[in-house]
PDB file of N, CA and C in Angstrom:
ATOM      1  N   MET A   1     -50.606 -68.738  48.766  1.00  0.00           N
ATOM      2  CA  MET A   1     -51.612 -68.688  47.722  1.00  0.00           C
ATOM      3  C   MET A   1     -52.966 -68.426  48.355  1.00  0.00           C
ATOM      4  N   THR A   2     -53.733 -67.545  47.730  1.00  0.00           N
ATOM      5  CA  THR A   2     -55.057 -67.220  48.212  1.00  0.00           C
ATOM      6  C   THR A   2     -56.048 -68.279  47.759  1.00  0.00           C
ATOM      7  N   GLU A   3     -56.923 -68.677  48.669  1.00  0.00           N
ATOM      8  CA  GLU A   3     -57.945 -69.655  48.323  1.00  0.00           C
ATOM      9  C   GLU A   3     -59.013 -69.002  47.457  1.00  0.00           C
ATOM     10  N   PRO A   4     -59.601 -69.742  46.522  1.00  0.00           N
ATOM     11  CA  PRO A   4     -60.681 -69.194  45.703  1.00  0.00           C
ATOM     12  C   PRO A   4     -61.869 -68.795  46.569  1.00  0.00           C
ATOM     13  N   ASP A   5     -62.550 -67.736  46.180  1.00  0.00           N
ATOM     14  CA  ASP A   5     -63.748 -67.270  46.869  1.00  0.00           C
ATOM     15  C   ASP A   5     -64.885 -68.228  46.535  1.00  0.00           C
ATOM     16  N   PRO A   6     -65.471 -68.907  47.536  1.00  0.00           N
ATOM     17  CA  PRO A   6     -66.527 -69.878  47.233  1.00  0.00           C
ATOM     18  C   PRO A   6     -67.806 -69.237  46.708  1.00  0.00           C
ATOM     19  N   THR A   7     -67.961 -67.916  46.867  1.00  0.00           N
ATOM     20  CA  THR A   7     -69.156 -67.240  46.355  1.00  0.00           C
ATOM     21  C   THR A   7     -68.953 -66.694  44.944  1.00  0.00           C
ATOM     22  N   ALA A   8     -67.750 -66.796  44.415  1.00  0.00           N
ATOM     23  CA  ALA A   8     -67.454 -66.239  43.095  1.00  0.00           C
ATOM     24  C   ALA A   8     -68.175 -67.017  42.001  1.00  0.00           C
ATOM     25  N   ILE A   9     -68.700 -66.290  41.043  1.00  0.00           N
ATOM     26  CA  ILE A   9     -69.321 -66.893  39.870  1.00  0.00           C
ATOM     27  C   ILE A   9     -68.180 -67.246  38.906  1.00  0.00           C
ATOM     28  N   PRO A  10     -68.102 -68.489  38.425  1.00  0.00           N
ATOM     29  CA  PRO A  10     -66.955 -68.903  37.599  1.00  0.00           C
ATOM     30  C   PRO A  10     -67.036 -68.441  36.141  1.00  0.00           C
ATOM     31  N   PHE A  11     -67.420 -67.188  35.912  1.00  0.00           N
ATOM     32  CA  PHE A  11     -67.597 -66.650  34.566  1.00  0.00           C
ATOM     33  C   PHE A  11     -66.347 -66.816  33.715  1.00  0.00           C
ATOM     34  N   PHE A  12     -65.192 -66.459  34.243  1.00  0.00           N
ATOM     35  CA  PHE A  12     -63.970 -66.489  33.445  1.00  0.00           C
ATOM     36  C   PHE A  12     -63.411 -67.893  33.261  1.00  0.00           C
ATOM     37  N   ASP A  13     -63.951 -68.898  33.963  1.00  0.00           N
ATOM     38  CA  ASP A  13     -63.560 -70.273  33.674  1.00  0.00           C
ATOM     39  C   ASP A  13     -63.940 -70.632  32.236  1.00  0.00           C
ATOM     40  N   ASP A  14     -65.030 -70.017  31.748  1.00  0.00           N
ATOM     41  CA  ASP A  14     -65.470 -70.255  30.379  1.00  0.00           C
ATOM     42  C   ASP A  14     -64.790 -69.323  29.371  1.00  0.00           C
ATOM     43  N   HIS A  15     -64.007 -68.360  29.879  1.00  0.00           N
ATOM     44  CA  HIS A  15     -63.331 -67.382  29.020  1.00  0.00           C
ATOM     45  C   HIS A  15     -61.877 -67.189  29.485  1.00  0.00           C
ATOM     46  N   PRO A  16     -61.090 -68.266  29.514  1.00  0.00           N
ATOM     47  CA  PRO A  16     -59.735 -68.200  30.067  1.00  0.00           C
ATOM     48  C   PRO A  16     -58.762 -67.342  29.268  1.00  0.00           C
ATOM     49  N   ARG A  17     -59.130 -66.959  28.052  1.00  0.00           N
ATOM     50  CA  ARG A  17     -58.218 -66.136  27.239  1.00  0.00           C
ATOM     51  C   ARG A  17     -57.888 -64.823  27.942  1.00  0.00           C
ATOM     52  N   PHE A  18     -58.778 -64.338  28.818  1.00  0.00           N
ATOM     53  CA  PHE A  18     -58.516 -63.078  29.505  1.00  0.00           C
ATOM     54  C   PHE A  18     -57.367 -63.203  30.509  1.00  0.00           C
ATOM     55  N   ALA A  19     -57.114 -64.390  31.009  1.00  0.00           N
ATOM     56  CA  ALA A  19     -55.938 -64.598  31.856  1.00  0.00           C
ATOM     57  C   ALA A  19     -54.677 -64.578  31.004  1.00  0.00           C
ATOM     58  N   GLU A  20     -54.810 -64.949  29.738  1.00  0.00           N
ATOM     59  CA  GLU A  20     -53.664 -64.988  28.827  1.00  0.00           C
ATOM     60  C   GLU A  20     -53.333 -63.619  28.237  1.00  0.00           C
ATOM     61  N   THR A  21     -54.342 -62.751  28.049  1.00  0.00           N
ATOM     62  CA  THR A  21     -54.105 -61.459  27.416  1.00  0.00           C
ATOM     63  C   THR A  21     -53.820 -60.354  28.422  1.00  0.00           C
ATOM     64  N   SER A  22     -53.817 -60.680  29.696  1.00  0.00           N
ATOM     65  CA  SER A  22     -53.615 -59.678  30.735  1.00  0.00           C
ATOM     66  C   SER A  22     -52.156 -59.268  30.860  1.00  0.00           C
ATOM     67  N   LYS A  23     -51.937 -58.014  31.217  1.00  0.00           N
ATOM     68  CA  LYS A  23     -50.589 -57.550  31.556  1.00  0.00           C
ATOM     69  C   LYS A  23     -50.344 -57.647  33.060  1.00  0.00           C
ATOM     70  N   THR A  24     -51.396 -57.913  33.835  1.00  0.00           N
ATOM     71  CA  THR A  24     -51.250 -57.994  35.286  1.00  0.00           C
ATOM     72  C   THR A  24     -51.154 -59.433  35.780  1.00  0.00           C
ATOM     73  N   GLY A  25     -51.407 -60.403  34.906  1.00  0.00           N
ATOM     74  CA  GLY A  25     -51.246 -61.806  35.244  1.00  0.00           C
ATOM     75  C   GLY A  25     -52.179 -62.341  36.308  1.00  0.00           C
ATOM     76  N   PRO A  26     -53.468 -61.974  36.296  1.00  0.00           N
ATOM     77  CA  PRO A  26     -54.354 -62.483  37.336  1.00  0.00           C
ATOM     78  C   PRO A  26     -54.691 -63.948  37.108  1.00  0.00           C
ATOM     79  N   SER A  27     -55.014 -64.623  38.176  1.00  0.00           N
ATOM     80  CA  SER A  27     -55.472 -65.997  38.056  1.00  0.00           C
ATOM     81  C   SER A  27     -56.974 -65.980  37.774  1.00  0.00           C
ATOM     82  N   LEU A  28     -57.488 -67.082  37.286  1.00  0.00           N
ATOM     83  CA  LEU A  28     -58.910 -67.139  36.989  1.00  0.00           C
ATOM     84  C   LEU A  28     -59.757 -66.963  38.240  1.00  0.00           C
ATOM     85  N   HIS A  29     -59.304 -67.469  39.393  1.00  0.00           N
ATOM     86  CA  HIS A  29     -60.153 -67.300  40.587  1.00  0.00           C
ATOM     87  C   HIS A  29     -60.223 -65.839  41.008  1.00  0.00           C
ATOM     88  N   ARG A  30     -59.165 -65.060  40.786  1.00  0.00           N
ATOM     89  CA  ARG A  30     -59.233 -63.619  41.072  1.00  0.00           C
ATOM     90  C   ARG A  30     -60.133 -62.903  40.078  1.00  0.00           C
ATOM     91  N   LEU A  31     -60.042 -63.256  38.795  1.00  0.00           N
ATOM     92  CA  LEU A  31     -60.937 -62.668  37.804  1.00  0.00           C
ATOM     93  C   LEU A  31     -62.388 -63.005  38.120  1.00  0.00           C
ATOM     94  N   ASN A  32     -62.641 -64.246  38.507  1.00  0.00           N
ATOM     95  CA  ASN A  32     -64.002 -64.646  38.853  1.00  0.00           C
ATOM     96  C   ASN A  32     -64.517 -63.885  40.072  1.00  0.00           C
ATOM     97  N   ALA A  33     -63.683 -63.691  41.073  1.00  0.00           N
ATOM     98  CA  ALA A  33     -64.105 -62.934  42.260  1.00  0.00           C
ATOM     99  C   ALA A  33     -64.408 -61.487  41.897  1.00  0.00           C
ATOM    100  N   ARG A  34     -63.600 -60.890  41.033  1.00  0.00           N
ATOM    101  CA  ARG A  34     -63.860 -59.516  40.590  1.00  0.00           C
ATOM    102  C   ARG A  34     -65.130 -59.450  39.749  1.00  0.00           C
ATOM    103  N   TYR A  35     -65.333 -60.424  38.875  1.00  0.00           N
ATOM    104  CA  TYR A  35     -66.565 -60.480  38.090  1.00  0.00           C
ATOM    105  C   TYR A  35     -67.777 -60.525  39.024  1.00  0.00           C
ATOM    106  N   THR A  36     -67.706 -61.360  40.047  1.00  0.00           N
ATOM    107  CA  THR A  36     -68.825 -61.487  40.980  1.00  0.00           C
ATOM    108  C   THR A  36     -69.145 -60.143  41.622  1.00  0.00           C
ATOM    109  N   GLY A  37     -68.120 -59.448  42.109  1.00  0.00           N
ATOM    110  CA  GLY A  37     -68.331 -58.174  42.786  1.00  0.00           C
ATOM    111  C   GLY A  37     -68.700 -57.031  41.861  1.00  0.00           C
ATOM    112  N   LEU A  38     -68.086 -56.981  40.689  1.00  0.00           N
ATOM    113  CA  LEU A  38     -68.315 -55.852  39.780  1.00  0.00           C
ATOM    114  C   LEU A  38     -69.516 -56.032  38.861  1.00  0.00           C
ATOM    115  N   ILE A  39     -69.716 -57.233  38.377  1.00  0.00           N
ATOM    116  CA  ILE A  39     -70.747 -57.466  37.364  1.00  0.00           C
ATOM    117  C   ILE A  39     -71.938 -58.232  37.938  1.00  0.00           C
ATOM    118  N   HIS A  40     -71.706 -59.412  38.452  1.00  0.00           N
ATOM    119  CA  HIS A  40     -72.803 -60.290  38.871  1.00  0.00           C
ATOM    120  C   HIS A  40     -73.709 -59.629  39.914  1.00  0.00           C
ATOM    121  N   HIS A  41     -73.123 -59.047  40.940  1.00  0.00           N
ATOM    122  CA  HIS A  41     -73.934 -58.429  41.999  1.00  0.00           C
ATOM    123  C   HIS A  41     -74.648 -57.161  41.535  1.00  0.00           C
ATOM    124  N   HIS A  42     -74.270 -56.631  40.379  1.00  0.00           N
ATOM    125  CA  HIS A  42     -74.878 -55.397  39.875  1.00  0.00           C
ATOM    126  C   HIS A  42     -75.597 -55.599  38.540  1.00  0.00           C
ATOM    127  N   ARG A  43     -75.850 -56.840  38.190  1.00  0.00           N
ATOM    128  CA  ARG A  43     -76.448 -57.109  36.883  1.00  0.00           C
ATOM    129  C   ARG A  43     -77.819 -56.465  36.739  1.00  0.00           C
ATOM    130  N   HIS A  44     -78.539 -56.247  37.845  1.00  0.00           N
ATOM    131  CA  HIS A  44     -79.839 -55.570  37.768  1.00  0.00           C
ATOM    132  C   HIS A  44     -79.673 -54.114  37.305  1.00  0.00           C
ATOM    133  N   LEU A  45     -78.517 -53.518  37.540  1.00  0.00           N
ATOM    134  CA  LEU A  45     -78.226 -52.167  37.065  1.00  0.00           C
ATOM    135  C   LEU A  45     -77.643 -52.171  35.653  1.00  0.00           C
ATOM    136  N   ILE A  46     -76.972 -53.244  35.314  1.00  0.00           N
ATOM    137  CA  ILE A  46     -76.271 -53.348  34.034  1.00  0.00           C
ATOM    138  C   ILE A  46     -77.210 -53.718  32.895  1.00  0.00           C
ATOM    139  N   GLU A  47     -78.178 -54.582  33.167  1.00  0.00           N
ATOM    140  CA  GLU A  47     -79.050 -55.074  32.102  1.00  0.00           C
ATOM    141  C   GLU A  47     -79.763 -53.918  31.402  1.00  0.00           C
ATOM    142  N   GLY A  48     -79.568 -53.839  30.087  1.00  0.00           N
ATOM    143  CA  GLY A  48     -80.179 -52.815  29.261  1.00  0.00           C
ATOM    144  C   GLY A  48     -79.507 -51.454  29.300  1.00  0.00           C
ATOM    145  N   ALA A  49     -78.466 -51.312  30.103  1.00  0.00           N
ATOM    146  CA  ALA A  49     -77.802 -50.016  30.297  1.00  0.00           C
ATOM    147  C   ALA A  49     -76.638 -49.830  29.333  1.00  0.00           C
ATOM    148  N   THR A  50     -76.208 -48.578  29.222  1.00  0.00           N
ATOM    149  CA  THR A  50     -74.941 -48.266  28.581  1.00  0.00           C
ATOM    150  C   THR A  50     -73.908 -48.177  29.691  1.00  0.00           C
ATOM    151  N   VAL A  51     -72.809 -48.902  29.544  1.00  0.00           N
ATOM    152  CA  VAL A  51     -71.773 -48.995  30.576  1.00  0.00           C
ATOM    153  C   VAL A  51     -70.491 -48.350  30.058  1.00  0.00           C
ATOM    154  N   LEU A  52     -69.870 -47.538  30.876  1.00  0.00           N
ATOM    155  CA  LEU A  52     -68.565 -46.951  30.577  1.00  0.00           C
ATOM    156  C   LEU A  52     -67.524 -47.707  31.381  1.00  0.00           C
ATOM    157  N   ASP A  53     -66.588 -48.332  30.696  1.00  0.00           N
ATOM    158  CA  ASP A  53     -65.525 -49.109  31.339  1.00  0.00           C
ATOM    159  C   ASP A  53     -64.213 -48.347  31.181  1.00  0.00           C
ATOM    160  N   LEU A  54     -63.865 -47.577  32.207  1.00  0.00           N
ATOM    161  CA  LEU A  54     -62.622 -46.796  32.181  1.00  0.00           C
ATOM    162  C   LEU A  54     -61.450 -47.687  32.538  1.00  0.00           C
ATOM    163  N   ALA A  55     -60.318 -47.475  31.871  1.00  0.00           N
ATOM    164  CA  ALA A  55     -59.131 -48.317  32.052  1.00  0.00           C
ATOM    165  C   ALA A  55     -59.524 -49.774  31.799  1.00  0.00           C
ATOM    166  N   SER A  56     -60.084 -50.014  30.632  1.00  0.00           N
ATOM    167  CA  SER A  56     -60.728 -51.290  30.321  1.00  0.00           C
ATOM    168  C   SER A  56     -59.777 -52.456  30.044  1.00  0.00           C
ATOM    169  N   HIS A  57     -58.465 -52.195  30.115  1.00  0.00           N
ATOM    170  CA  HIS A  57     -57.456 -53.252  29.989  1.00  0.00           C
ATOM    171  C   HIS A  57     -57.696 -54.019  28.683  1.00  0.00           C
ATOM    172  N   ASP A  58     -57.887 -55.325  28.761  1.00  0.00           N
ATOM    173  CA  ASP A  58     -58.080 -56.148  27.561  1.00  0.00           C
ATOM    174  C   ASP A  58     -59.551 -56.399  27.266  1.00  0.00           C
ATOM    175  N   GLY A  59     -60.428 -55.614  27.888  1.00  0.00           N
ATOM    176  CA  GLY A  59     -61.855 -55.707  27.623  1.00  0.00           C
ATOM    177  C   GLY A  59     -62.607 -56.730  28.444  1.00  0.00           C
ATOM    178  N   ARG A  60     -61.958 -57.298  29.441  1.00  0.00           N
ATOM    179  CA  ARG A  60     -62.573 -58.395  30.196  1.00  0.00           C
ATOM    180  C   ARG A  60     -63.888 -58.012  30.863  1.00  0.00           C
ATOM    181  N   PHE A  61     -63.943 -56.832  31.489  1.00  0.00           N
ATOM    182  CA  PHE A  61     -65.169 -56.464  32.184  1.00  0.00           C
ATOM    183  C   PHE A  61     -66.166 -55.796  31.246  1.00  0.00           C
ATOM    184  N   SER A  62     -65.711 -55.250  30.130  1.00  0.00           N
ATOM    185  CA  SER A  62     -66.633 -54.828  29.072  1.00  0.00           C
ATOM    186  C   SER A  62     -67.353 -56.064  28.535  1.00  0.00           C
ATOM    187  N   PHE A  63     -66.593 -57.116  28.282  1.00  0.00           N
ATOM    188  CA  PHE A  63     -67.140 -58.395  27.834  1.00  0.00           C
ATOM    189  C   PHE A  63     -68.135 -58.937  28.861  1.00  0.00           C
ATOM    190  N   GLY A  64     -67.754 -58.889  30.139  1.00  0.00           N
ATOM    191  CA  GLY A  64     -68.635 -59.373  31.206  1.00  0.00           C
ATOM    192  C   GLY A  64     -69.925 -58.579  31.286  1.00  0.00           C
ATOM    193  N   ALA A  65     -69.840 -57.255  31.123  1.00  0.00           N
ATOM    194  CA  ALA A  65     -71.041 -56.417  31.168  1.00  0.00           C
ATOM    195  C   ALA A  65     -71.965 -56.740  29.996  1.00  0.00           C
ATOM    196  N   LEU A  66     -71.400 -56.941  28.804  1.00  0.00           N
ATOM    197  CA  LEU A  66     -72.216 -57.324  27.656  1.00  0.00           C
ATOM    198  C   LEU A  66     -72.887 -58.674  27.896  1.00  0.00           C
ATOM    199  N   ALA A  67     -72.144 -59.618  28.446  1.00  0.00           N
ATOM    200  CA  ALA A  67     -72.702 -60.939  28.736  1.00  0.00           C
ATOM    201  C   ALA A  67     -73.800 -60.862  29.791  1.00  0.00           C
ATOM    202  N   ALA A  68     -73.734 -59.849  30.670  1.00  0.00           N
ATOM    203  CA  ALA A  68     -74.745 -59.659  31.713  1.00  0.00           C
ATOM    204  C   ALA A  68     -75.943 -58.862  31.214  1.00  0.00           C
ATOM    205  N   GLY A  69     -75.935 -58.493  29.942  1.00  0.00           N
ATOM    206  CA  GLY A  69     -77.101 -57.857  29.363  1.00  0.00           C
ATOM    207  C   GLY A  69     -77.001 -56.376  29.098  1.00  0.00           C
ATOM    208  N   ALA A  70     -75.810 -55.793  29.229  1.00  0.00           N
ATOM    209  CA  ALA A  70     -75.663 -54.372  28.892  1.00  0.00           C
ATOM    210  C   ALA A  70     -76.038 -54.174  27.432  1.00  0.00           C
ATOM    211  N   ALA A  71     -76.736 -53.076  27.160  1.00  0.00           N
ATOM    212  CA  ALA A  71     -77.114 -52.771  25.783  1.00  0.00           C
ATOM    213  C   ALA A  71     -75.912 -52.306  24.979  1.00  0.00           C
ATOM    214  N   ARG A  72     -75.000 -51.629  25.655  1.00  0.00           N
ATOM    215  CA  ARG A  72     -73.818 -51.068  24.993  1.00  0.00           C
ATOM    216  C   ARG A  72     -72.739 -50.865  26.039  1.00  0.00           C
ATOM    217  N   VAL A  73     -71.492 -51.103  25.653  1.00  0.00           N
ATOM    218  CA  VAL A  73     -70.355 -50.851  26.539  1.00  0.00           C
ATOM    219  C   VAL A  73     -69.329 -50.039  25.772  1.00  0.00           C
ATOM    220  N   ILE A  74     -68.846 -48.995  26.410  1.00  0.00           N
ATOM    221  CA  ILE A  74     -67.773 -48.179  25.851  1.00  0.00           C
ATOM    222  C   ILE A  74     -66.551 -48.412  26.726  1.00  0.00           C
ATOM    223  N   GLY A  75     -65.518 -49.003  26.148  1.00  0.00           N
ATOM    224  CA  GLY A  75     -64.280 -49.246  26.871  1.00  0.00           C
ATOM    225  C   GLY A  75     -63.259 -48.183  26.514  1.00  0.00           C
ATOM    226  N   VAL A  76     -62.592 -47.654  27.521  1.00  0.00           N
ATOM    227  CA  VAL A  76     -61.558 -46.633  27.319  1.00  0.00           C
ATOM    228  C   VAL A  76     -60.246 -47.185  27.877  1.00  0.00           C
ATOM    229  N   GLU A  77     -59.240 -47.280  27.006  1.00  0.00           N
ATOM    230  CA  GLU A  77     -57.921 -47.787  27.399  1.00  0.00           C
ATOM    231  C   GLU A  77     -56.867 -47.043  26.602  1.00  0.00           C
ATOM    232  N   VAL A  78     -55.797 -46.598  27.271  1.00  0.00           N
ATOM    233  CA  VAL A  78     -54.750 -45.842  26.576  1.00  0.00           C
ATOM    234  C   VAL A  78     -53.619 -46.724  26.049  1.00  0.00           C
ATOM    235  N   ASP A  79     -53.458 -47.924  26.565  1.00  0.00           N
ATOM    236  CA  ASP A  79     -52.385 -48.820  26.143  1.00  0.00           C
ATOM    237  C   ASP A  79     -52.787 -49.497  24.833  1.00  0.00           C
ATOM    238  N   GLY A  80     -52.125 -49.131  23.749  1.00  0.00           N
ATOM    239  CA  GLY A  80     -52.455 -49.653  22.431  1.00  0.00           C
ATOM    240  C   GLY A  80     -52.411 -51.162  22.329  1.00  0.00           C
ATOM    241  N   ASP A  81     -51.461 -51.800  23.012  1.00  0.00           N
ATOM    242  CA  ASP A  81     -51.358 -53.261  22.991  1.00  0.00           C
ATOM    243  C   ASP A  81     -52.611 -53.886  23.603  1.00  0.00           C
ATOM    244  N   LEU A  82     -53.097 -53.308  24.700  1.00  0.00           N
ATOM    245  CA  LEU A  82     -54.299 -53.837  25.339  1.00  0.00           C
ATOM    246  C   LEU A  82     -55.538 -53.577  24.489  1.00  0.00           C
ATOM    247  N   VAL A  83     -55.584 -52.447  23.807  1.00  0.00           N
ATOM    248  CA  VAL A  83     -56.705 -52.158  22.904  1.00  0.00           C
ATOM    249  C   VAL A  83     -56.746 -53.207  21.792  1.00  0.00           C
ATOM    250  N   GLU A  84     -55.599 -53.549  21.236  1.00  0.00           N
ATOM    251  CA  GLU A  84     -55.536 -54.583  20.203  1.00  0.00           C
ATOM    252  C   GLU A  84     -56.034 -55.921  20.741  1.00  0.00           C
ATOM    253  N   LYS A  85     -55.639 -56.255  21.975  1.00  0.00           N
ATOM    254  CA  LYS A  85     -56.098 -57.506  22.583  1.00  0.00           C
ATOM    255  C   LYS A  85     -57.601 -57.487  22.800  1.00  0.00           C
ATOM    256  N   ALA A  86     -58.132 -56.352  23.251  1.00  0.00           N
ATOM    257  CA  ALA A  86     -59.576 -56.233  23.452  1.00  0.00           C
ATOM    258  C   ALA A  86     -60.309 -56.368  22.122  1.00  0.00           C
ATOM    259  N   ASP A  87     -59.789 -55.736  21.091  1.00  0.00           N
ATOM    260  CA  ASP A  87     -60.410 -55.806  19.764  1.00  0.00           C
ATOM    261  C   ASP A  87     -60.396 -57.234  19.205  1.00  0.00           C
ATOM    262  N   ALA A  88     -59.375 -58.004  19.558  1.00  0.00           N
ATOM    263  CA  ALA A  88     -59.250 -59.373  19.054  1.00  0.00           C
ATOM    264  C   ALA A  88     -60.191 -60.343  19.760  1.00  0.00           C
ATOM    265  N   ASN A  89     -60.671 -59.977  20.941  1.00  0.00           N
ATOM    266  CA  ASN A  89     -61.582 -60.855  21.673  1.00  0.00           C
ATOM    267  C   ASN A  89     -62.978 -60.749  21.075  1.00  0.00           C
ATOM    268  N   PRO A  90     -63.616 -61.884  20.824  1.00  0.00           N
ATOM    269  CA  PRO A  90     -64.965 -61.823  20.266  1.00  0.00           C
ATOM    270  C   PRO A  90     -65.969 -61.300  21.288  1.00  0.00           C
ATOM    271  N   SER A  91     -67.053 -60.733  20.789  1.00  0.00           N
ATOM    272  CA  SER A  91     -68.133 -60.283  21.666  1.00  0.00           C
ATOM    273  C   SER A  91     -68.880 -61.497  22.185  1.00  0.00           C
ATOM    274  N   PRO A  92     -69.477 -61.396  23.372  1.00  0.00           N
ATOM    275  CA  PRO A  92     -70.254 -62.534  23.887  1.00  0.00           C
ATOM    276  C   PRO A  92     -71.514 -62.733  23.048  1.00  0.00           C
ATOM    277  N   GLU A  93     -72.004 -63.925  23.044  1.00  0.00           N
ATOM    278  CA  GLU A  93     -73.250 -64.234  22.339  1.00  0.00           C
ATOM    279  C   GLU A  93     -74.401 -63.580  23.096  1.00  0.00           C
ATOM    280  N   PRO A  94     -75.365 -63.009  22.376  1.00  0.00           N
ATOM    281  CA  PRO A  94     -76.522 -62.389  23.046  1.00  0.00           C
ATOM    282  C   PRO A  94     -77.389 -63.383  23.747  1.00  0.00           C
TER     283      PRO A  94
END
Protein backbone atom coordinates (compact mmCIF):
# COMPACT_ATOMS: atom_id res chain seq x y z
CA MET A 1 0.00 0.00 0.00
CA THR A 2 1.24 3.45 -0.89
CA GLU A 3 1.56 5.94 1.94
CA PRO A 4 -0.48 9.15 1.64
CA ASP A 5 1.41 12.16 0.30
CA PRO A 6 1.93 14.47 3.31
CA THR A 7 1.84 17.53 1.02
CA ALA A 8 -1.52 16.61 -0.52
CA ILE A 9 -4.44 18.94 0.09
CA PRO A 10 -7.30 16.80 1.51
CA PHE A 11 -9.89 18.28 -0.90
CA PHE A 12 -11.59 14.98 -1.70
CA ASP A 13 -11.88 14.05 1.99
CA ASP A 14 -14.78 16.53 1.94
CA HIS A 15 -16.13 15.06 -1.33
CA PRO A 16 -15.82 11.26 -0.96
CA ARG A 17 -18.60 10.57 -3.48
CA PHE A 18 -15.97 10.83 -6.23
CA ALA A 19 -14.29 7.68 -4.89
CA GLU A 20 -17.69 5.98 -5.13
CA THR A 21 -18.57 7.12 -8.67
CA SER A 22 -15.20 6.26 -10.18
CA LYS A 23 -14.66 3.43 -12.64
CA THR A 24 -10.95 3.32 -11.76
CA GLY A 25 -11.44 2.84 -8.01
CA PRO A 26 -8.95 5.39 -6.69
CA SER A 27 -8.47 5.90 -3.00
CA LEU A 28 -9.06 9.30 -1.47
CA HIS A 29 -5.35 9.82 -0.79
CA ARG A 30 -4.60 9.31 -4.50
CA LEU A 31 -7.39 11.70 -5.50
CA ASN A 32 -6.07 14.23 -3.00
CA ALA A 33 -2.52 13.92 -4.35
CA ARG A 34 -3.79 14.43 -7.91
CA TYR A 35 -5.88 17.40 -6.80
CA THR A 36 -2.79 18.94 -5.20
CA GLY A 37 -0.71 18.55 -8.37
CA LEU A 38 -3.38 19.38 -10.94
CA ILE A 39 -5.52 22.00 -9.22
CA HIS A 40 -4.03 23.36 -6.00
CA HIS A 41 -0.55 24.12 -7.37
CA HIS A 42 -2.11 25.82 -10.42
CA ARG A 43 -4.97 27.69 -8.78
CA HIS A 44 -3.34 31.02 -9.72
CA LEU A 45 -3.90 30.01 -13.37
CA ILE A 46 -7.34 28.52 -12.78
CA GLU A 47 -8.96 31.37 -10.86
CA GLY A 48 -11.27 33.29 -13.18
CA ALA A 49 -10.33 31.13 -16.19
CA THR A 50 -12.29 28.89 -18.50
CA VAL A 51 -10.97 25.34 -18.05
CA LEU A 52 -11.27 22.47 -20.54
CA ASP A 53 -11.31 19.09 -18.79
CA LEU A 54 -10.70 16.40 -21.41
CA ALA A 55 -11.61 12.83 -20.44
CA SER A 56 -13.38 14.33 -17.44
CA HIS A 57 -14.50 10.96 -16.02
CA ASP A 58 -17.11 11.65 -13.30
CA GLY A 59 -16.36 15.37 -13.18
CA ARG A 60 -14.04 15.25 -10.18
CA PHE A 61 -11.42 17.65 -11.52
CA SER A 62 -14.02 19.87 -13.21
CA PHE A 63 -15.57 20.14 -9.74
CA GLY A 64 -12.13 20.84 -8.24
CA ALA A 65 -11.40 23.57 -10.80
CA LEU A 66 -14.74 25.25 -10.06
CA ALA A 67 -14.04 25.06 -6.33
CA ALA A 68 -10.62 26.66 -7.01
CA GLY A 69 -12.30 29.63 -8.66
CA ALA A 70 -12.59 28.76 -12.35
CA ALA A 71 -15.20 30.95 -14.00
CA ARG A 72 -16.33 28.10 -16.24
CA VAL A 73 -15.38 24.47 -16.81
CA ILE A 74 -16.18 22.42 -19.89
CA GLY A 75 -15.91 18.69 -19.26
CA VAL A 76 -15.62 16.29 -22.19
CA GLU A 77 -16.30 12.59 -21.57
CA VAL A 78 -17.42 9.90 -24.03
CA ASP A 79 -18.60 7.29 -21.49
CA GLY A 80 -22.32 7.95 -21.01
CA ASP A 81 -22.39 6.31 -17.56
CA LEU A 82 -19.66 8.67 -16.34
CA VAL A 83 -21.43 11.68 -17.87
CA GLU A 84 -24.56 10.73 -15.91
CA LYS A 85 -22.48 10.47 -12.73
CA ALA A 86 -20.89 13.86 -13.39
CA ASP A 87 -24.30 15.41 -14.03
CA ALA A 88 -25.62 13.96 -10.76
CA ASN A 89 -22.84 15.55 -8.71
CA PRO A 90 -23.75 18.99 -7.39
CA SER A 91 -21.65 22.01 -8.31
CA PRO A 92 -19.39 23.38 -5.58
CA GLU A 93 -20.59 26.37 -3.61
CA PRO A 94 -19.12 29.66 -4.88
